[in-house]
C-alpha atoms as a PDB file:
ATOM      1  CA  UNK A   1      -6.465   5.553 -21.101  1.00  0.00           C
ATOM      2  CA  UNK A   2      -9.106   8.289 -20.900  1.00  0.00           C
ATOM      3  CA  UNK A   3      -8.695  12.017 -21.483  1.00  0.00           C
ATOM      4  CA  UNK A   4      -9.509  12.605 -17.801  1.00  0.00           C
ATOM      5  CA  UNK A   5      -6.718  10.260 -16.712  1.00  0.00           C
ATOM      6  CA  UNK A   6      -4.264  11.917 -19.087  1.00  0.00           C
ATOM      7  CA  UNK A   7      -5.266  15.405 -17.938  1.00  0.00           C
ATOM      8  CA  UNK A   8      -4.710  14.494 -14.292  1.00  0.00           C
ATOM      9  CA  UNK A   9      -1.367  12.900 -15.137  1.00  0.00           C
ATOM     10  CA  UNK A  10      -0.221  16.029 -16.999  1.00  0.00           C
ATOM     11  CA  UNK A  11      -1.392  18.336 -14.216  1.00  0.00           C
ATOM     12  CA  UNK A  12       0.556  16.351 -11.634  1.00  0.00           C
ATOM     13  CA  UNK A  13       3.692  16.148 -13.781  1.00  0.00           C
ATOM     14  CA  UNK A  14       3.648  19.888 -14.563  1.00  0.00           C
ATOM     15  CA  UNK A  15       3.089  20.800 -10.915  1.00  0.00           C
ATOM     16  CA  UNK A  16       6.035  18.628  -9.928  1.00  0.00           C
ATOM     17  CA  UNK A  17       8.234  20.514 -12.397  1.00  0.00           C
ATOM     18  CA  UNK A  18       6.912  24.081 -12.243  1.00  0.00           C
ATOM     19  CA  UNK A  19       6.068  24.454  -8.558  1.00  0.00           C
ATOM     20  CA  UNK A  20       5.336  28.133  -7.893  1.00  0.00           C
ATOM     21  CA  UNK A  21       6.607  29.227 -11.295  1.00  0.00           C
ATOM     22  CA  UNK A  22       9.035  28.730 -14.165  1.00  0.00           C
ATOM     23  CA  UNK A  23      11.306  31.441 -12.832  1.00  0.00           C
ATOM     24  CA  UNK A  24      13.972  30.953 -15.505  1.00  0.00           C
ATOM     25  CA  UNK A  25      11.477  31.931 -18.193  1.00  0.00           C
ATOM     26  CA  UNK A  26       9.676  34.540 -16.104  1.00  0.00           C
ATOM     27  CA  UNK A  27      12.993  36.243 -15.421  1.00  0.00           C
ATOM     28  CA  UNK A  28      14.041  36.848 -19.016  1.00  0.00           C
ATOM     29  CA  UNK A  29      11.170  36.184 -21.464  1.00  0.00           C
ATOM     30  CA  UNK A  30       8.283  38.686 -21.890  1.00  0.00           C
ATOM     31  CA  UNK A  31       4.888  37.181 -21.059  1.00  0.00           C
ATOM     32  CA  UNK A  32       3.497  38.031 -24.497  1.00  0.00           C
ATOM     33  CA  UNK A  33       6.398  36.549 -26.486  1.00  0.00           C
ATOM     34  CA  UNK A  34       5.407  34.015 -29.153  1.00  0.00           C
ATOM     35  CA  UNK A  35       7.633  31.342 -30.598  1.00  0.00           C
ATOM     36  CA  UNK A  36       8.024  28.202 -32.677  1.00  0.00           C
ATOM     37  CA  UNK A  37       9.874  24.974 -31.983  1.00  0.00           C
ATOM     38  CA  UNK A  38      10.479  21.688 -33.749  1.00  0.00           C
ATOM     39  CA  UNK A  39      10.873  18.212 -32.289  1.00  0.00           C
ATOM     40  CA  UNK A  40      13.913  16.508 -33.839  1.00  0.00           C
ATOM     41  CA  UNK A  41      14.935  12.857 -33.817  1.00  0.00           C
ATOM     42  CA  UNK A  42      18.614  12.408 -32.989  1.00  0.00           C
ATOM     43  CA  UNK A  43      18.794   8.653 -33.588  1.00  0.00           C
ATOM     44  CA  UNK A  44      16.931   5.866 -35.374  1.00  0.00           C
ATOM     45  CA  UNK A  45      13.918   4.295 -33.674  1.00  0.00           C
ATOM     46  CA  UNK A  46      10.145   3.985 -33.489  1.00  0.00           C
ATOM     47  CA  UNK A  47       8.535   7.280 -32.515  1.00  0.00           C
ATOM     48  CA  UNK A  48       5.867   7.169 -29.824  1.00  0.00           C
ATOM     49  CA  UNK A  49       4.068   9.783 -27.745  1.00  0.00           C
ATOM     50  CA  UNK A  50       3.275  12.270 -30.512  1.00  0.00           C
ATOM     51  CA  UNK A  51      -0.420  12.293 -29.620  1.00  0.00           C
ATOM     52  CA  UNK A  52       0.471  12.748 -25.955  1.00  0.00           C
ATOM     53  CA  UNK A  53       2.722  15.695 -26.824  1.00  0.00           C
ATOM     54  CA  UNK A  54      -0.080  17.402 -28.727  1.00  0.00           C
ATOM     55  CA  UNK A  55      -2.366  16.848 -25.725  1.00  0.00           C
ATOM     56  CA  UNK A  56       0.222  18.425 -23.398  1.00  0.00           C
ATOM     57  CA  UNK A  57       0.676  21.556 -25.507  1.00  0.00           C
ATOM     58  CA  UNK A  58      -3.104  21.947 -25.853  1.00  0.00           C
ATOM     59  CA  UNK A  59      -3.498  21.480 -22.099  1.00  0.00           C
ATOM     60  CA  UNK A  60      -0.986  24.225 -21.295  1.00  0.00           C
ATOM     61  CA  UNK A  61      -2.256  26.547 -24.045  1.00  0.00           C
ATOM     62  CA  UNK A  62      -5.472  25.545 -25.847  1.00  0.00           C
ATOM     63  CA  UNK A  63      -4.703  27.869 -28.785  1.00  0.00           C
ATOM     64  CA  UNK A  64      -1.257  26.393 -29.444  1.00  0.00           C
ATOM     65  CA  UNK A  65      -0.769  25.033 -32.965  1.00  0.00           C
ATOM     66  CA  UNK A  66       0.934  21.681 -33.539  1.00  0.00           C
ATOM     67  CA  UNK A  67       1.743  20.475 -37.049  1.00  0.00           C
ATOM     68  CA  UNK A  68       2.426  16.740 -36.853  1.00  0.00           C
ATOM     69  CA  UNK A  69       4.834  15.611 -39.562  1.00  0.00           C
ATOM     70  CA  UNK A  70       5.462  12.011 -38.421  1.00  0.00           C
ATOM     71  CA  UNK A  71       2.840   9.845 -36.737  1.00  0.00           C
ATOM     72  CA  UNK A  72       3.250   7.469 -33.799  1.00  0.00           C
ATOM     73  CA  UNK A  73       4.603   4.074 -34.830  1.00  0.00           C
ATOM     74  CA  UNK A  74       6.786   5.398 -37.648  1.00  0.00           C
ATOM     75  CA  UNK A  75      10.510   4.738 -37.954  1.00  0.00           C
ATOM     76  CA  UNK A  76      12.474   7.974 -37.539  1.00  0.00           C
ATOM     77  CA  UNK A  77      16.082   8.710 -38.404  1.00  0.00           C
ATOM     78  CA  UNK A  78      18.581  11.247 -37.155  1.00  0.00           C
ATOM     79  CA  UNK A  79      17.519  14.724 -38.244  1.00  0.00           C
ATOM     80  CA  UNK A  80      13.856  13.897 -38.931  1.00  0.00           C
ATOM     81  CA  UNK A  81      11.356  16.567 -37.905  1.00  0.00           C
ATOM     82  CA  UNK A  82       8.534  14.914 -35.959  1.00  0.00           C
ATOM     83  CA  UNK A  83       6.339  17.951 -35.357  1.00  0.00           C
ATOM     84  CA  UNK A  84       6.359  21.743 -35.287  1.00  0.00           C
ATOM     85  CA  UNK A  85       4.636  23.724 -32.551  1.00  0.00           C
ATOM     86  CA  UNK A  86       3.729  27.399 -32.295  1.00  0.00           C
ATOM     87  CA  UNK A  87       2.670  28.890 -28.955  1.00  0.00           C
ATOM     88  CA  UNK A  88       3.620  31.300 -26.219  1.00  0.00           C
ATOM     89  CA  UNK A  89       7.325  30.980 -25.492  1.00  0.00           C
ATOM     90  CA  UNK A  90       6.399  30.368 -21.845  1.00  0.00           C
ATOM     91  CA  UNK A  91       4.197  27.468 -22.948  1.00  0.00           C
ATOM     92  CA  UNK A  92       6.981  25.979 -25.041  1.00  0.00           C
ATOM     93  CA  UNK A  93       9.435  26.165 -22.156  1.00  0.00           C
ATOM     94  CA  UNK A  94       6.969  24.835 -19.568  1.00  0.00           C
ATOM     95  CA  UNK A  95       5.979  21.870 -21.707  1.00  0.00           C
ATOM     96  CA  UNK A  96       9.400  21.088 -23.180  1.00  0.00           C
ATOM     97  CA  UNK A  97      10.771  18.770 -20.494  1.00  0.00           C
ATOM     98  CA  UNK A  98       7.519  16.877 -19.908  1.00  0.00           C
ATOM     99  CA  UNK A  99       7.067  16.318 -23.650  1.00  0.00           C
ATOM    100  CA  UNK A 100      10.646  15.119 -24.035  1.00  0.00           C
ATOM    101  CA  UNK A 101      10.613  12.901 -20.946  1.00  0.00           C
ATOM    102  CA  UNK A 102       7.459  11.145 -22.116  1.00  0.00           C
ATOM    103  CA  UNK A 103       8.318  10.894 -25.798  1.00  0.00           C
ATOM    104  CA  UNK A 104      11.885   9.746 -25.226  1.00  0.00           C
ATOM    105  CA  UNK A 105      10.819   6.970 -22.853  1.00  0.00           C
ATOM    106  CA  UNK A 106       7.782   5.858 -24.872  1.00  0.00           C
ATOM    107  CA  UNK A 107       9.813   5.862 -28.080  1.00  0.00           C
ATOM    108  CA  UNK A 108      12.418   3.738 -26.308  1.00  0.00           C
ATOM    109  CA  UNK A 109       9.715   1.259 -25.256  1.00  0.00           C
ATOM    110  CA  UNK A 110       8.226   1.156 -28.762  1.00  0.00           C
ATOM    111  CA  UNK A 111      11.659   0.693 -30.315  1.00  0.00           C
ATOM    112  CA  UNK A 112      12.620  -2.130 -27.946  1.00  0.00           C
ATOM    113  CA  UNK A 113       9.242  -3.828 -28.456  1.00  0.00           C
ATOM    114  CA  UNK A 114       9.576  -3.636 -32.215  1.00  0.00           C
ATOM    115  CA  UNK A 115      12.976  -5.307 -32.055  1.00  0.00           C
ATOM    116  CA  UNK A 116      11.416  -8.318 -30.316  1.00  0.00           C
ATOM    117  CA  UNK A 117       8.358  -8.363 -32.583  1.00  0.00           C
ATOM    118  CA  UNK A 118      10.511  -8.382 -35.725  1.00  0.00           C
ATOM    119  CA  UNK A 119      12.351 -11.464 -34.441  1.00  0.00           C
ATOM    120  CA  UNK A 120       9.048 -13.356 -34.650  1.00  0.00           C
ATOM    121  CA  UNK A 121       8.117 -12.444 -38.226  1.00  0.00           C
ATOM    122  CA  UNK A 122       6.209 -15.288 -39.879  1.00  0.00           C
ATOM    123  CA  UNK A 123       5.170 -16.856 -36.570  1.00  0.00           C
ATOM    124  CA  UNK A 124       1.847 -16.655 -34.705  1.00  0.00           C
ATOM    125  CA  UNK A 125       3.443 -16.122 -31.287  1.00  0.00           C
ATOM    126  CA  UNK A 126       2.734 -12.725 -29.709  1.00  0.00           C
ATOM    127  CA  UNK A 127       5.111 -10.614 -27.651  1.00  0.00           C
ATOM    128  CA  UNK A 128       3.614  -9.603 -24.300  1.00  0.00           C
ATOM    129  CA  UNK A 129       4.587  -6.870 -21.875  1.00  0.00           C
ATOM    130  CA  UNK A 130       4.472  -7.218 -18.069  1.00  0.00           C
ATOM    131  CA  UNK A 131       3.677  -5.129 -14.980  1.00  0.00           C
ATOM    132  CA  UNK A 132       7.336  -4.065 -14.786  1.00  0.00           C
ATOM    133  CA  UNK A 133       6.447  -0.483 -15.611  1.00  0.00           C
ATOM    134  CA  UNK A 134       7.328   2.957 -14.256  1.00  0.00           C
ATOM    135  CA  UNK A 135       4.917   3.898 -11.419  1.00  0.00           C
ATOM    136  CA  UNK A 136       2.373   6.375 -12.710  1.00  0.00           C
ATOM    137  CA  UNK A 137       3.281   5.744 -16.367  1.00  0.00           C
ATOM    138  CA  UNK A 138       1.929   2.220 -16.827  1.00  0.00           C
ATOM    139  CA  UNK A 139      -0.848   3.153 -19.253  1.00  0.00           C
ATOM    140  CA  UNK A 140       1.516   5.280 -21.323  1.00  0.00           C
ATOM    141  CA  UNK A 141       4.184   2.581 -21.480  1.00  0.00           C
ATOM    142  CA  UNK A 142       1.668  -0.113 -22.349  1.00  0.00           C
ATOM    143  CA  UNK A 143       0.370   2.108 -25.159  1.00  0.00           C
ATOM    144  CA  UNK A 144       3.959   2.378 -26.399  1.00  0.00           C
ATOM    145  CA  UNK A 145       4.186  -1.429 -26.447  1.00  0.00           C
ATOM    146  CA  UNK A 146       1.163  -1.474 -28.764  1.00  0.00           C
ATOM    147  CA  UNK A 147       2.726   1.206 -30.952  1.00  0.00           C
ATOM    148  CA  UNK A 148       5.822  -0.987 -31.236  1.00  0.00           C
ATOM    149  CA  UNK A 149       3.725  -3.935 -32.415  1.00  0.00           C
ATOM    150  CA  UNK A 150       3.521  -5.834 -29.138  1.00  0.00           C
ATOM    151  CA  UNK A 151       0.505  -7.041 -27.183  1.00  0.00           C
ATOM    152  CA  UNK A 152      -0.568  -5.964 -23.717  1.00  0.00           C
ATOM    153  CA  UNK A 153      -0.776  -8.573 -20.989  1.00  0.00           C
ATOM    154  CA  UNK A 154      -3.051  -7.668 -18.077  1.00  0.00           C
ATOM    155  CA  UNK A 155      -2.993  -3.981 -17.177  1.00  0.00           C
ATOM    156  CA  UNK A 156      -2.866  -4.566 -13.424  1.00  0.00           C
ATOM    157  CA  UNK A 157      -3.903  -6.853 -10.600  1.00  0.00           C
ATOM    158  CA  UNK A 158      -7.570  -6.189 -11.268  1.00  0.00           C
ATOM    159  CA  UNK A 159      -8.235  -7.335 -14.833  1.00  0.00           C
ATOM    160  CA  UNK A 160      -6.881 -10.897 -14.850  1.00  0.00           C
ATOM    161  CA  UNK A 161      -6.050 -13.614 -12.337  1.00  0.00           C
ATOM    162  CA  UNK A 162      -2.395 -14.660 -12.406  1.00  0.00           C
ATOM    163  CA  UNK A 163      -1.408 -17.296  -9.871  1.00  0.00           C
ATOM    164  CA  UNK A 164       2.371 -16.959  -9.622  1.00  0.00           C
ATOM    165  CA  UNK A 165       4.857 -18.858  -7.473  1.00  0.00           C
ATOM    166  CA  UNK A 166       4.201 -16.825  -4.317  1.00  0.00           C
ATOM    167  CA  UNK A 167       0.426 -17.158  -4.637  1.00  0.00           C
ATOM    168  CA  UNK A 168       0.783 -20.914  -5.046  1.00  0.00           C
ATOM    169  CA  UNK A 169       3.214 -21.252  -2.125  1.00  0.00           C
ATOM    170  CA  UNK A 170       1.135 -19.080   0.221  1.00  0.00           C
ATOM    171  CA  UNK A 171      -2.052 -20.917  -0.796  1.00  0.00           C
ATOM    172  CA  UNK A 172      -0.523 -24.294  -0.018  1.00  0.00           C
ATOM    173  CA  UNK A 173      -0.190 -25.584  -3.551  1.00  0.00           C
ATOM    174  CA  UNK A 174      -1.616 -25.387  -7.045  1.00  0.00           C
ATOM    175  CA  UNK A 175      -4.870 -27.207  -6.365  1.00  0.00           C
ATOM    176  CA  UNK A 176      -5.701 -24.986  -3.394  1.00  0.00           C
ATOM    177  CA  UNK A 177      -4.838 -21.859  -5.363  1.00  0.00           C
ATOM    178  CA  UNK A 178      -7.011 -22.790  -8.348  1.00  0.00           C
ATOM    179  CA  UNK A 179     -10.035 -24.089  -6.432  1.00  0.00           C
ATOM    180  CA  UNK A 180     -10.059 -21.088  -4.092  1.00  0.00           C
ATOM    181  CA  UNK A 181      -9.731 -18.739  -7.051  1.00  0.00           C
ATOM    182  CA  UNK A 182     -12.700 -20.297  -8.841  1.00  0.00           C
ATOM    183  CA  UNK A 183     -14.805 -20.094  -5.664  1.00  0.00           C
ATOM    184  CA  UNK A 184     -13.779 -16.459  -5.185  1.00  0.00           C
ATOM    185  CA  UNK A 185     -14.740 -15.485  -8.730  1.00  0.00           C
ATOM    186  CA  UNK A 186     -18.104 -17.200  -8.356  1.00  0.00           C
ATOM    187  CA  UNK A 187     -18.782 -15.534  -4.998  1.00  0.00           C
ATOM    188  CA  UNK A 188     -17.773 -12.115  -6.321  1.00  0.00           C
ATOM    189  CA  UNK A 189     -19.646 -12.595  -9.598  1.00  0.00           C
ATOM    190  CA  UNK A 190     -16.494 -11.790 -11.556  1.00  0.00           C
ATOM    191  CA  UNK A 191     -15.546 -13.146 -14.956  1.00  0.00           C
ATOM    192  CA  UNK A 192     -11.754 -12.979 -15.078  1.00  0.00           C
ATOM    193  CA  UNK A 193      -9.386 -15.178 -17.034  1.00  0.00           C
ATOM    194  CA  UNK A 194      -7.052 -17.359 -14.957  1.00  0.00           C
ATOM    195  CA  UNK A 195      -3.383 -17.909 -15.693  1.00  0.00           C
ATOM    196  CA  UNK A 196      -1.163 -20.218 -13.625  1.00  0.00           C
ATOM    197  CA  UNK A 197       2.614 -20.122 -13.491  1.00  0.00           C
ATOM    198  CA  UNK A 198       4.447 -23.444 -13.345  1.00  0.00           C
ATOM    199  CA  UNK A 199       8.111 -23.955 -12.515  1.00  0.00           C
ATOM    200  CA  UNK A 200       8.553 -27.591 -13.468  1.00  0.00           C
ATOM    201  CA  UNK A 201       6.819 -30.597 -15.022  1.00  0.00           C
ATOM    202  CA  UNK A 202       5.387 -31.726 -11.690  1.00  0.00           C
ATOM    203  CA  UNK A 203       3.511 -28.451 -11.344  1.00  0.00           C
ATOM    204  CA  UNK A 204       2.504 -28.575 -15.006  1.00  0.00           C
ATOM    205  CA  UNK A 205       0.936 -32.005 -14.597  1.00  0.00           C
ATOM    206  CA  UNK A 206      -0.906 -30.853 -11.484  1.00  0.00           C
ATOM    207  CA  UNK A 207      -2.399 -27.888 -13.357  1.00  0.00           C
ATOM    208  CA  UNK A 208      -3.501 -30.219 -16.141  1.00  0.00           C
ATOM    209  CA  UNK A 209      -5.095 -32.528 -13.569  1.00  0.00           C
ATOM    210  CA  UNK A 210      -6.969 -29.741 -11.766  1.00  0.00           C
ATOM    211  CA  UNK A 211      -7.929 -27.780 -14.913  1.00  0.00           C
ATOM    212  CA  UNK A 212     -10.420 -24.929 -14.931  1.00  0.00           C
ATOM    213  CA  UNK A 213      -7.943 -22.279 -16.072  1.00  0.00           C
ATOM    214  CA  UNK A 214      -7.229 -20.410 -19.306  1.00  0.00           C
ATOM    215  CA  UNK A 215      -3.461 -20.101 -19.690  1.00  0.00           C
ATOM    216  CA  UNK A 216      -0.312 -21.770 -18.410  1.00  0.00           C
ATOM    217  CA  UNK A 217       2.887 -19.789 -17.972  1.00  0.00           C
ATOM    218  CA  UNK A 218       6.096 -21.790 -18.314  1.00  0.00           C
ATOM    219  CA  UNK A 219       8.497 -19.955 -16.033  1.00  0.00           C
ATOM    220  CA  UNK A 220      12.209 -20.236 -16.810  1.00  0.00           C
ATOM    221  CA  UNK A 221      11.818 -23.426 -18.859  1.00  0.00           C
ATOM    222  CA  UNK A 222      14.598 -24.212 -21.301  1.00  0.00           C
ATOM    223  CA  UNK A 223      13.737 -24.317 -24.990  1.00  0.00           C
ATOM    224  CA  UNK A 224      13.877 -28.122 -24.968  1.00  0.00           C
ATOM    225  CA  UNK A 225      11.653 -28.355 -21.888  1.00  0.00           C
ATOM    226  CA  UNK A 226       9.271 -25.867 -23.486  1.00  0.00           C
ATOM    227  CA  UNK A 227       8.937 -28.130 -26.537  1.00  0.00           C
ATOM    228  CA  UNK A 228       8.102 -31.035 -24.268  1.00  0.00           C
ATOM    229  CA  UNK A 229       5.614 -28.968 -22.262  1.00  0.00           C
ATOM    230  CA  UNK A 230       3.842 -27.800 -25.426  1.00  0.00           C
ATOM    231  CA  UNK A 231       3.463 -31.428 -26.491  1.00  0.00           C
ATOM    232  CA  UNK A 232       2.089 -32.408 -23.075  1.00  0.00           C
ATOM    233  CA  UNK A 233      -0.434 -29.548 -22.979  1.00  0.00           C
ATOM    234  CA  UNK A 234      -1.441 -30.428 -26.544  1.00  0.00           C
ATOM    235  CA  UNK A 235      -3.640 -27.404 -27.141  1.00  0.00           C
ATOM    236  CA  UNK A 236      -5.709 -27.775 -23.955  1.00  0.00           C
ATOM    237  CA  UNK A 237      -4.746 -24.289 -22.741  1.00  0.00           C
ATOM    238  CA  UNK A 238      -2.999 -21.186 -24.006  1.00  0.00           C
ATOM    239  CA  UNK A 239       0.742 -21.273 -23.321  1.00  0.00           C
ATOM    240  CA  UNK A 240       3.023 -18.400 -22.339  1.00  0.00           C
ATOM    241  CA  UNK A 241       6.794 -18.571 -22.027  1.00  0.00           C
ATOM    242  CA  UNK A 242       8.443 -16.246 -19.530  1.00  0.00           C
ATOM    243  CA  UNK A 243      11.723 -15.698 -17.744  1.00  0.00           C
ATOM    244  CA  UNK A 244      15.064 -14.378 -19.012  1.00  0.00           C
ATOM    245  CA  UNK A 245      14.034 -14.504 -22.658  1.00  0.00           C
ATOM    246  CA  UNK A 246      16.260 -12.301 -24.802  1.00  0.00           C
ATOM    247  CA  UNK A 247      16.417 -11.043 -28.372  1.00  0.00           C
ATOM    248  CA  UNK A 248      18.771 -13.900 -29.109  1.00  0.00           C
ATOM    249  CA  UNK A 249      16.472 -16.625 -27.730  1.00  0.00           C
ATOM    250  CA  UNK A 250      12.926 -15.372 -28.296  1.00  0.00           C
ATOM    251  CA  UNK A 251      12.501 -16.974 -31.716  1.00  0.00           C
ATOM    252  CA  UNK A 252      13.704 -20.338 -30.396  1.00  0.00           C
ATOM    253  CA  UNK A 253      10.983 -20.201 -27.747  1.00  0.00           C
ATOM    254  CA  UNK A 254       8.335 -19.051 -30.210  1.00  0.00           C
ATOM    255  CA  UNK A 255       9.154 -21.875 -32.604  1.00  0.00           C
ATOM    256  CA  UNK A 256       8.237 -24.424 -29.911  1.00  0.00           C
ATOM    257  CA  UNK A 257       4.590 -23.505 -30.505  1.00  0.00           C
ATOM    258  CA  UNK A 258       3.820 -21.300 -27.499  1.00  0.00           C
ATOM    259  CA  UNK A 259       1.099 -18.683 -27.985  1.00  0.00           C
ATOM    260  CA  UNK A 260       2.829 -15.875 -26.106  1.00  0.00           C
ATOM    261  CA  UNK A 261       6.251 -14.822 -24.912  1.00  0.00           C
ATOM    262  CA  UNK A 262       6.319 -12.224 -22.136  1.00  0.00           C
ATOM    263  CA  UNK A 263       9.319  -9.903 -21.889  1.00  0.00           C
ATOM    264  CA  UNK A 264       9.779  -7.618 -18.903  1.00  0.00           C
ATOM    265  CA  UNK A 265      12.628  -5.851 -20.695  1.00  0.00           C
ATOM    266  CA  UNK A 266      10.122  -4.093 -22.971  1.00  0.00           C
ATOM    267  CA  UNK A 267       9.416  -1.568 -20.227  1.00  0.00           C
ATOM    268  CA  UNK A 268      12.132  -1.841 -17.609  1.00  0.00           C
ATOM    269  CA  UNK A 269      15.350  -2.383 -19.560  1.00  0.00           C
ATOM    270  CA  UNK A 270      15.102   0.190 -22.320  1.00  0.00           C
ATOM    271  CA  UNK A 271      17.168   3.100 -23.569  1.00  0.00           C
ATOM    272  CA  UNK A 272      15.216   6.271 -24.154  1.00  0.00           C
ATOM    273  CA  UNK A 273      15.290   7.484 -27.751  1.00  0.00           C
ATOM    274  CA  UNK A 274      17.322  10.661 -28.158  1.00  0.00           C
ATOM    275  CA  UNK A 275      15.033  13.567 -29.123  1.00  0.00           C
ATOM    276  CA  UNK A 276      15.261  17.329 -28.791  1.00  0.00           C
ATOM    277  CA  UNK A 277      12.875  20.296 -28.942  1.00  0.00           C
ATOM    278  CA  UNK A 278      14.595  23.250 -30.574  1.00  0.00           C
ATOM    279  CA  UNK A 279      13.493  26.828 -31.130  1.00  0.00           C
ATOM    280  CA  UNK A 280      13.110  27.825 -34.784  1.00  0.00           C
END
């Protein structure tokens, strides 16, 4: 995530909100009024988006002053002061909703991720995110996964090959999908890792026969079937478990010996952390 990308994102988000003017503030607050505000945590969780908030305030008013009291990745409790900001009152009111929307969602993602990560303490298995992200906020949400202790899977369709069920079915089978993919990468002079999703042991054995890939995803395998699949693969490829894995079951899957467990819920089934920005 570059500063240019973040600047463009903020510009678009502010334009969506402000339109031709923040008329509520313009109507009753003098243009030269200065003020202070504090960001408060209203529940326990992992805070995320502090650096983004500072960037937003500085974008709206370069001379604004932000005193960060709690850094990204820290556990916060109800009543904790995360940061204090001093700026034009118009700046504070323009930036308030964007800062809260981003920080509340990213903190929710980081908190959810950390819950899954803590279930795997003492194991080598890593918790992966997915592409089940909010349109336009993927880079922010994936950063929040990192803040929560998780690991990013591919960012998008461009940085890794993942041959899922529909690719395999449309291609006419696993062998066709893999061989065509390898030819494509060679023709395009691209060096991308290849992951193949399998739905059963028949598909698993076909992938092992064809080879030439980097990772196998076991889709919706039971824990017992996952144990058997890990034994069959026997270290030949990286192994990822995926599909309806919950907080209650993730450790069972990890203990089978898989390298990764991917959890779509990290970014699309979260509760935003309750935060508020209050005048002081």
